[in-house]
Structure formats: C-alpha cells, structure tokens
C-alpha cells in the first residue's frame, strides 16, 4: 500500500509541476487509484456493513476539517492581498 501511495503521489507531483509527462502520469495515477479502491474493496465493504457509525463520524470529521482548511486558506489569501496593497 505504501508503494502504491508513493507512486500515486509522484504522479500527482509530475502533474503539479507541469512536466512533459502529464498524460503518462495521469494514466498511471488513475490506474493506481483504481487498484487502491479494488484492492481494499472487501475491507471497505466489511466496515460499511458492520460499523456504519464510525463511517459517519469519519465523514463528519473530514468534512469539518476541509471546511476549516478552506476557511483558513481564504483568510490567509485575503490577508496577503490587503498587505500587498499597502
């Protein structure tokens, strides 16, 4: 799993940097993502079937964290814009 995540992260890094291998990185990244989902589907199915409370708790925590990160990013961006205008 760590190897898959490492290669997937490298593919994202290639796409972010804008190197010439964007198409290859996209193909490899999507194949690895599909493999990650398929390789752990049985585990995900067991969790969803027998422990739905932890799934809803995890989704709530992740959603609140993403909202907080977005709010912080907006505040930092607006603060930087005000500081550069002075």
C-alpha atoms as a PDB file:
ATOM      1  CA  UNK A   1       0.000   0.000   0.000  1.00  0.00           C
ATOM      2  CA  UNK A   2       2.804   2.424   0.828  1.00  0.00           C
ATOM      3  CA  UNK A   3       4.435   1.757  -2.527  1.00  0.00           C
ATOM      4  CA  UNK A   4       1.163   2.461  -4.319  1.00  0.00           C
ATOM      5  CA  UNK A   5       0.648   5.667  -2.375  1.00  0.00           C
ATOM      6  CA  UNK A   6       4.235   6.720  -3.114  1.00  0.00           C
ATOM      7  CA  UNK A   7       3.887   6.165  -6.852  1.00  0.00           C
ATOM      8  CA  UNK A   8       0.477   7.884  -6.821  1.00  0.00           C
ATOM      9  CA  UNK A   9       1.994  10.876  -5.007  1.00  0.00           C
ATOM     10  CA  UNK A  10       4.810  11.016  -7.553  1.00  0.00           C
ATOM     11  CA  UNK A  11       2.269  11.066 -10.391  1.00  0.00           C
ATOM     12  CA  UNK A  12       0.443  13.953  -8.729  1.00  0.00           C
ATOM     13  CA  UNK A  13       3.799  15.720  -8.266  1.00  0.00           C
ATOM     14  CA  UNK A  14       4.535  15.384 -12.001  1.00  0.00           C
ATOM     15  CA  UNK A  15       1.133  16.823 -12.882  1.00  0.00           C
ATOM     16  CA  UNK A  16       1.537  19.710 -10.408  1.00  0.00           C
ATOM     17  CA  UNK A  17       4.978  20.660 -11.673  1.00  0.00           C
ATOM     18  CA  UNK A  18       3.759  20.656 -15.246  1.00  0.00           C
ATOM     19  CA  UNK A  19       6.439  18.413 -16.690  1.00  0.00           C
ATOM     20  CA  UNK A  20       6.084  16.882 -20.135  1.00  0.00           C
ATOM     21  CA  UNK A  21       4.781  13.535 -18.895  1.00  0.00           C
ATOM     22  CA  UNK A  22       1.306  14.715 -17.812  1.00  0.00           C
ATOM     23  CA  UNK A  23      -0.545  12.127 -19.858  1.00  0.00           C
ATOM     24  CA  UNK A  24       1.598   9.263 -18.609  1.00  0.00           C
ATOM     25  CA  UNK A  25       1.288  10.488 -15.026  1.00  0.00           C
ATOM     26  CA  UNK A  26      -2.476  10.731 -15.378  1.00  0.00           C
ATOM     27  CA  UNK A  27      -2.757   7.211 -16.763  1.00  0.00           C
ATOM     28  CA  UNK A  28      -0.508   5.705 -14.090  1.00  0.00           C
ATOM     29  CA  UNK A  29      -2.196   7.700 -11.324  1.00  0.00           C
ATOM     30  CA  UNK A  30      -5.691   6.672 -12.366  1.00  0.00           C
ATOM     31  CA  UNK A  31      -4.629   3.026 -12.674  1.00  0.00           C
ATOM     32  CA  UNK A  32      -3.120   3.098  -9.186  1.00  0.00           C
ATOM     33  CA  UNK A  33      -6.220   4.798  -7.760  1.00  0.00           C
ATOM     34  CA  UNK A  34      -8.461   2.134  -9.286  1.00  0.00           C
ATOM     35  CA  UNK A  35      -6.114  -0.528  -7.908  1.00  0.00           C
ATOM     36  CA  UNK A  36      -6.223   1.029  -4.441  1.00  0.00           C
ATOM     37  CA  UNK A  37     -10.007   1.019  -4.459  1.00  0.00           C
ATOM     38  CA  UNK A  38     -10.230  -2.508  -5.873  1.00  0.00           C
ATOM     39  CA  UNK A  39      -7.556  -3.948  -3.616  1.00  0.00           C
ATOM     40  CA  UNK A  40      -9.244  -2.763  -0.453  1.00  0.00           C
ATOM     41  CA  UNK A  41     -12.882  -3.088  -1.523  1.00  0.00           C
ATOM     42  CA  UNK A  42     -13.526  -6.132   0.695  1.00  0.00           C
ATOM     43  CA  UNK A  43     -12.195  -4.280   3.725  1.00  0.00           C
ATOM     44  CA  UNK A  44     -14.297  -1.216   2.875  1.00  0.00           C
ATOM     45  CA  UNK A  45     -17.380  -3.422   2.416  1.00  0.00           C
ATOM     46  CA  UNK A  46     -16.922  -5.024   5.848  1.00  0.00           C
ATOM     47  CA  UNK A  47     -16.530  -1.637   7.527  1.00  0.00           C
ATOM     48  CA  UNK A  48     -19.616  -0.234   5.799  1.00  0.00           C
ATOM     49  CA  UNK A  49     -21.711  -3.270   6.654  1.00  0.00           C
ATOM     50  CA  UNK A  50     -20.770  -3.809  10.296  1.00  0.00           C
ATOM     51  CA  UNK A  51     -19.644  -0.390  11.553  1.00  0.00           C
ATOM     52  CA  UNK A  52     -21.636   2.429   9.922  1.00  0.00           C
ATOM     53  CA  UNK A  53     -21.301   4.714  12.974  1.00  0.00           C
ATOM     54  CA  UNK A  54     -17.549   5.062  12.533  1.00  0.00           C
ATOM     55  CA  UNK A  55     -18.021   5.865   8.842  1.00  0.00           C
ATOM     56  CA  UNK A  56     -20.454   8.697   9.568  1.00  0.00           C
ATOM     57  CA  UNK A  57     -18.142  10.014  12.310  1.00  0.00           C
ATOM     58  CA  UNK A  58     -15.142   9.895   9.976  1.00  0.00           C
ATOM     59  CA  UNK A  59     -17.039  11.645   7.176  1.00  0.00           C
ATOM     60  CA  UNK A  60     -18.150  14.367   9.590  1.00  0.00           C
ATOM     61  CA  UNK A  61     -14.612  14.906  10.904  1.00  0.00           C
ATOM     62  CA  UNK A  62     -13.158  15.039   7.381  1.00  0.00           C
ATOM     63  CA  UNK A  63     -15.852  17.469   6.190  1.00  0.00           C
ATOM     64  CA  UNK A  64     -15.311  19.791   9.169  1.00  0.00           C
ATOM     65  CA  UNK A  65     -11.548  19.642   8.656  1.00  0.00           C
ATOM     66  CA  UNK A  66     -11.860  20.511   4.965  1.00  0.00           C
ATOM     67  CA  UNK A  67     -14.183  23.423   5.763  1.00  0.00           C
ATOM     68  CA  UNK A  68     -11.718  24.697   8.383  1.00  0.00           C
ATOM     69  CA  UNK A  69      -8.769  24.400   5.973  1.00  0.00           C
ATOM     70  CA  UNK A  70     -10.729  26.235   3.272  1.00  0.00           C
ATOM     71  CA  UNK A  71     -11.617  28.991   5.729  1.00  0.00           C
ATOM     72  CA  UNK A  72      -8.006  29.360   6.835  1.00  0.00           C
ATOM     73  CA  UNK A  73      -6.831  29.468   3.219  1.00  0.00           C
ATOM     74  CA  UNK A  74      -9.371  32.179   2.376  1.00  0.00           C
ATOM     75  CA  UNK A  75      -8.326  34.235   5.402  1.00  0.00           C
ATOM     76  CA  UNK A  76      -4.638  33.925   4.574  1.00  0.00           C
ATOM     77  CA  UNK A  77      -5.239  34.823   0.946  1.00  0.00           C
ATOM     78  CA  UNK A  78      -7.318  37.877   1.804  1.00  0.00           C
ATOM     79  CA  UNK A  79      -4.738  38.990   4.398  1.00  0.00           C
ATOM     80  CA  UNK A  80      -1.968  38.694   1.816  1.00  0.00           C
ATOM     81  CA  UNK A  81      -3.998  40.738  -0.663  1.00  0.00           C
ATOM     82  CA  UNK A  82      -4.545  43.534   1.871  1.00  0.00           C
ATOM     83  CA  UNK A  83      -0.885  43.552   2.882  1.00  0.00           C
ATOM     84  CA  UNK A  84       0.357  43.826  -0.701  1.00  0.00           C
ATOM     85  CA  UNK A  85      -1.937  46.809  -1.465  1.00  0.00           C
ATOM     86  CA  UNK A  86      -0.458  48.934   1.334  1.00  0.00           C
END
